[in-house]
N, C-alpha and C. Protein backbone atom coordinates (compact mmCIF):
# COMPACT_ATOMS: atom_id res chain seq x y z
N MET A 1 0.88 -1.15 0.01
CA MET A 1 0.00 0.01 -0.03
C MET A 1 0.92 1.24 -0.03
N SER A 2 0.49 2.26 -0.65
CA SER A 2 1.25 3.47 -0.84
C SER A 2 0.49 4.71 -0.15
N TYR A 3 1.23 5.53 0.59
CA TYR A 3 0.65 6.71 1.16
C TYR A 3 1.45 7.86 0.79
N THR A 4 0.86 9.06 0.92
CA THR A 4 1.54 10.29 0.62
C THR A 4 2.13 10.88 1.95
N LEU A 5 3.41 11.04 1.96
CA LEU A 5 4.07 11.61 3.09
C LEU A 5 3.96 13.14 3.07
N VAL A 6 3.47 13.65 4.18
CA VAL A 6 3.29 15.12 4.33
C VAL A 6 4.25 15.65 5.33
N HIS A 7 5.06 16.62 4.99
CA HIS A 7 5.99 17.26 5.92
C HIS A 7 5.30 18.45 6.56
N ASN A 8 4.95 18.30 7.81
CA ASN A 8 4.31 19.36 8.57
C ASN A 8 5.43 20.09 9.30
N GLU A 9 6.16 20.94 8.59
CA GLU A 9 7.32 21.57 9.12
C GLU A 9 7.09 22.44 10.34
N PRO A 10 5.99 23.21 10.37
CA PRO A 10 5.74 24.04 11.60
C PRO A 10 5.66 23.23 12.93
N GLU A 11 5.13 22.01 12.75
CA GLU A 11 5.00 21.12 13.98
C GLU A 11 6.06 20.04 14.11
N CYS A 12 7.06 20.10 13.18
CA CYS A 12 8.16 19.12 13.10
C CYS A 12 7.67 17.68 13.12
N LYS A 13 6.77 17.41 12.10
CA LYS A 13 6.20 16.06 11.99
C LYS A 13 6.26 15.67 10.49
N TYR A 14 6.30 14.38 10.33
CA TYR A 14 6.11 13.74 9.05
C TYR A 14 4.78 12.95 9.18
N GLU A 15 3.83 13.13 8.29
CA GLU A 15 2.52 12.59 8.53
C GLU A 15 1.99 11.84 7.33
N TYR A 16 1.09 10.95 7.65
CA TYR A 16 0.13 10.29 6.68
C TYR A 16 -1.23 10.68 7.16
N HIS A 17 -2.06 11.15 6.18
CA HIS A 17 -3.45 11.51 6.46
C HIS A 17 -4.24 10.38 5.81
N ILE A 18 -4.91 9.60 6.67
CA ILE A 18 -5.67 8.40 6.13
C ILE A 18 -7.09 8.34 6.77
N ASP A 19 -8.08 8.42 5.96
CA ASP A 19 -9.47 8.21 6.42
C ASP A 19 -9.81 9.16 7.65
N GLY A 20 -9.33 10.34 7.61
CA GLY A 20 -9.65 11.29 8.69
C GLY A 20 -8.76 11.18 9.94
N HIS A 21 -7.72 10.35 9.83
CA HIS A 21 -6.78 10.17 10.97
C HIS A 21 -5.38 10.47 10.47
N ILE A 22 -4.58 10.81 11.44
CA ILE A 22 -3.14 11.18 11.11
C ILE A 22 -2.21 10.28 11.91
N ALA A 23 -1.40 9.58 11.14
CA ALA A 23 -0.29 8.85 11.73
C ALA A 23 0.94 9.75 11.53
N TYR A 24 1.82 9.81 12.52
CA TYR A 24 2.98 10.68 12.33
C TYR A 24 4.22 10.32 13.15
N ILE A 25 5.32 10.93 12.74
CA ILE A 25 6.59 10.83 13.41
C ILE A 25 7.02 12.25 13.66
N THR A 26 7.30 12.54 14.98
CA THR A 26 7.83 13.83 15.25
C THR A 26 9.39 13.78 15.27
N TYR A 27 9.98 14.92 15.06
CA TYR A 27 11.44 14.89 15.00
C TYR A 27 11.96 16.28 15.58
N ASP A 28 13.25 16.33 15.85
CA ASP A 28 14.03 17.49 16.29
C ASP A 28 15.22 17.57 15.39
N ASP A 29 15.30 18.52 14.51
CA ASP A 29 16.42 18.67 13.62
C ASP A 29 17.50 19.52 14.32
N ARG A 30 18.62 18.74 14.80
CA ARG A 30 19.61 19.48 15.40
C ARG A 30 20.98 18.80 15.23
N ASP A 31 22.04 19.53 15.22
CA ASP A 31 23.39 18.98 14.98
C ASP A 31 23.50 18.29 13.71
N GLY A 32 22.79 18.65 12.71
CA GLY A 32 22.84 17.97 11.44
C GLY A 32 22.20 16.59 11.39
N ASN A 33 21.52 16.25 12.44
CA ASN A 33 20.83 14.99 12.56
C ASN A 33 19.32 15.16 12.79
N MET A 34 18.60 14.20 12.33
CA MET A 34 17.19 14.23 12.59
C MET A 34 16.85 13.27 13.75
N HIS A 35 16.58 13.83 14.91
CA HIS A 35 16.24 13.09 16.10
C HIS A 35 14.78 12.65 16.06
N LEU A 36 14.45 11.41 15.85
CA LEU A 36 13.08 10.91 15.71
C LEU A 36 12.58 10.61 17.14
N THR A 37 11.63 11.49 17.59
CA THR A 37 11.24 11.49 18.97
C THR A 37 9.98 10.69 19.29
N HIS A 38 8.97 10.64 18.41
CA HIS A 38 7.78 9.87 18.70
C HIS A 38 7.18 9.29 17.39
N THR A 39 6.72 8.11 17.47
CA THR A 39 5.93 7.49 16.35
C THR A 39 4.51 7.21 16.90
N ILE A 40 3.56 7.82 16.20
CA ILE A 40 2.16 7.64 16.66
C ILE A 40 1.26 7.18 15.49
N VAL A 41 0.54 6.08 15.75
CA VAL A 41 -0.40 5.57 14.79
C VAL A 41 -1.68 5.41 15.62
N PRO A 42 -2.74 6.09 15.15
CA PRO A 42 -4.03 6.01 15.90
C PRO A 42 -4.58 4.58 15.91
N ASP A 43 -5.33 4.29 16.92
CA ASP A 43 -5.86 2.96 17.05
C ASP A 43 -6.65 2.49 15.85
N GLU A 44 -7.32 3.47 15.21
CA GLU A 44 -8.15 3.13 14.02
C GLU A 44 -7.26 2.63 12.84
N LEU A 45 -6.00 2.92 12.84
CA LEU A 45 -5.07 2.58 11.76
C LEU A 45 -4.10 1.43 12.17
N ALA A 46 -4.23 1.04 13.40
CA ALA A 46 -3.28 0.01 13.96
C ALA A 46 -3.38 -1.34 13.27
N GLY A 47 -2.30 -2.07 13.35
CA GLY A 47 -2.31 -3.47 12.83
C GLY A 47 -2.09 -3.65 11.38
N LYS A 48 -1.68 -2.55 10.65
CA LYS A 48 -1.57 -2.66 9.19
C LYS A 48 -0.05 -2.46 8.81
N GLY A 49 0.82 -2.39 9.81
CA GLY A 49 2.26 -2.18 9.51
C GLY A 49 2.50 -0.71 9.08
N LEU A 50 1.62 0.13 9.41
CA LEU A 50 1.76 1.58 9.01
C LEU A 50 2.97 2.23 9.59
N ALA A 51 3.25 1.95 10.90
CA ALA A 51 4.40 2.64 11.51
C ALA A 51 5.69 2.31 10.72
N GLY A 52 5.90 1.11 10.39
CA GLY A 52 7.12 0.80 9.60
C GLY A 52 7.18 1.39 8.24
N ILE A 53 6.01 1.46 7.54
CA ILE A 53 5.98 2.09 6.19
C ILE A 53 6.26 3.61 6.36
N LEU A 54 5.65 4.23 7.39
CA LEU A 54 5.94 5.62 7.60
C LEU A 54 7.37 5.92 7.97
N LEU A 55 7.90 5.05 8.81
CA LEU A 55 9.38 5.25 9.21
C LEU A 55 10.28 5.04 8.00
N LYS A 56 9.98 4.13 7.15
CA LYS A 56 10.90 3.90 5.96
C LYS A 56 10.81 5.14 5.07
N ASP A 57 9.58 5.70 4.89
CA ASP A 57 9.50 6.89 4.03
C ASP A 57 10.27 8.06 4.71
N VAL A 58 10.16 8.22 5.94
CA VAL A 58 10.85 9.30 6.65
C VAL A 58 12.39 9.11 6.51
N LEU A 59 12.86 7.88 6.70
CA LEU A 59 14.27 7.54 6.56
C LEU A 59 14.79 7.86 5.21
N ASP A 60 13.96 7.65 4.15
CA ASP A 60 14.31 7.98 2.77
C ASP A 60 14.48 9.49 2.58
N VAL A 61 13.56 10.24 3.24
CA VAL A 61 13.72 11.68 3.13
C VAL A 61 14.99 12.18 3.82
N ILE A 62 15.28 11.61 5.00
CA ILE A 62 16.46 11.96 5.76
C ILE A 62 17.70 11.63 4.99
N LYS A 63 17.80 10.45 4.37
CA LYS A 63 18.94 10.10 3.59
C LYS A 63 19.11 11.02 2.42
N ALA A 64 17.99 11.36 1.68
CA ALA A 64 18.05 12.22 0.52
C ALA A 64 18.53 13.61 0.88
N ALA A 65 18.31 14.02 2.11
CA ALA A 65 18.74 15.38 2.61
C ALA A 65 20.19 15.30 3.09
N GLY A 66 20.85 14.14 3.09
CA GLY A 66 22.21 14.03 3.48
C GLY A 66 22.38 14.13 4.96
N LYS A 67 21.36 13.77 5.75
CA LYS A 67 21.40 13.79 7.19
C LYS A 67 21.33 12.36 7.70
N LYS A 68 21.52 12.23 9.02
CA LYS A 68 21.43 11.01 9.72
C LYS A 68 20.23 11.01 10.70
N ALA A 69 19.63 9.84 10.88
CA ALA A 69 18.62 9.71 11.92
C ALA A 69 19.15 9.29 13.23
N VAL A 70 18.56 9.75 14.26
CA VAL A 70 18.89 9.39 15.63
C VAL A 70 17.60 8.79 16.29
N ALA A 71 17.63 7.60 16.71
CA ALA A 71 16.49 6.93 17.26
C ALA A 71 16.30 7.36 18.70
N GLU A 72 15.24 8.07 19.02
CA GLU A 72 14.95 8.50 20.35
C GLU A 72 13.61 7.91 20.88
N CYS A 73 12.79 7.36 19.95
CA CYS A 73 11.55 6.75 20.36
C CYS A 73 11.74 5.32 20.40
N SER A 74 11.05 4.56 21.22
CA SER A 74 11.20 3.07 21.30
C SER A 74 10.91 2.40 20.06
N TYR A 75 9.90 2.85 19.29
CA TYR A 75 9.62 2.17 18.03
C TYR A 75 10.82 2.29 17.08
N VAL A 76 11.38 3.43 16.94
CA VAL A 76 12.53 3.65 15.98
C VAL A 76 13.71 2.80 16.49
N VAL A 77 13.97 2.75 17.78
CA VAL A 77 15.04 1.97 18.34
C VAL A 77 14.88 0.45 17.90
N LYS A 78 13.67 -0.08 18.12
CA LYS A 78 13.39 -1.46 17.75
C LYS A 78 13.55 -1.73 16.21
N TYR A 79 13.02 -0.72 15.42
CA TYR A 79 13.16 -0.83 14.01
C TYR A 79 14.62 -0.90 13.54
N GLN A 80 15.41 -0.03 14.17
CA GLN A 80 16.87 -0.02 13.86
C GLN A 80 17.50 -1.27 14.21
N GLU A 81 17.14 -1.92 15.34
CA GLU A 81 17.71 -3.16 15.76
C GLU A 81 17.35 -4.30 14.76
N LYS A 82 16.09 -4.26 14.22
CA LYS A 82 15.62 -5.31 13.36
C LYS A 82 16.07 -5.18 11.96
N HIS A 83 16.65 -3.95 11.55
CA HIS A 83 17.05 -3.65 10.21
C HIS A 83 18.45 -3.16 10.16
N PRO A 84 19.46 -4.00 10.43
CA PRO A 84 20.88 -3.65 10.42
C PRO A 84 21.28 -3.18 9.07
N GLU A 85 20.65 -3.58 8.06
CA GLU A 85 21.01 -3.13 6.68
C GLU A 85 20.80 -1.65 6.48
N LEU A 86 20.09 -0.99 7.44
CA LEU A 86 19.91 0.50 7.35
C LEU A 86 20.80 1.20 8.19
N SER A 87 21.84 0.57 8.76
CA SER A 87 22.76 1.24 9.74
C SER A 87 23.40 2.45 9.20
N ASP A 88 23.53 2.60 7.91
CA ASP A 88 24.19 3.81 7.30
C ASP A 88 23.40 5.06 7.45
N ILE A 89 22.11 4.91 7.69
CA ILE A 89 21.23 6.10 7.77
C ILE A 89 21.17 6.59 9.22
N PHE A 90 21.55 5.74 10.21
CA PHE A 90 21.51 6.12 11.59
C PHE A 90 22.84 6.65 12.08
N ALA A 91 22.74 7.68 12.87
CA ALA A 91 23.97 8.32 13.50
C ALA A 91 24.49 7.41 14.62
């Protein structure tokens, strides 16, 4: 399934808008790194693997910008551990 990633820059979020709900990852852009602080998927959208799809899209944006991701939320930490092939994108 494909979703459109929305960069909500004023609120420091990357979002998916789906069926009236918003799944998002918040970040703090500092020291040349994108610190990923929270991953939120509403209950109405849970169980579809959405958090992983969203995170992968966000990591692609970070990589394209020439930055590194820093895992600060538990979901991102677990994702990083499960995907060692993406180690080059993490600081």
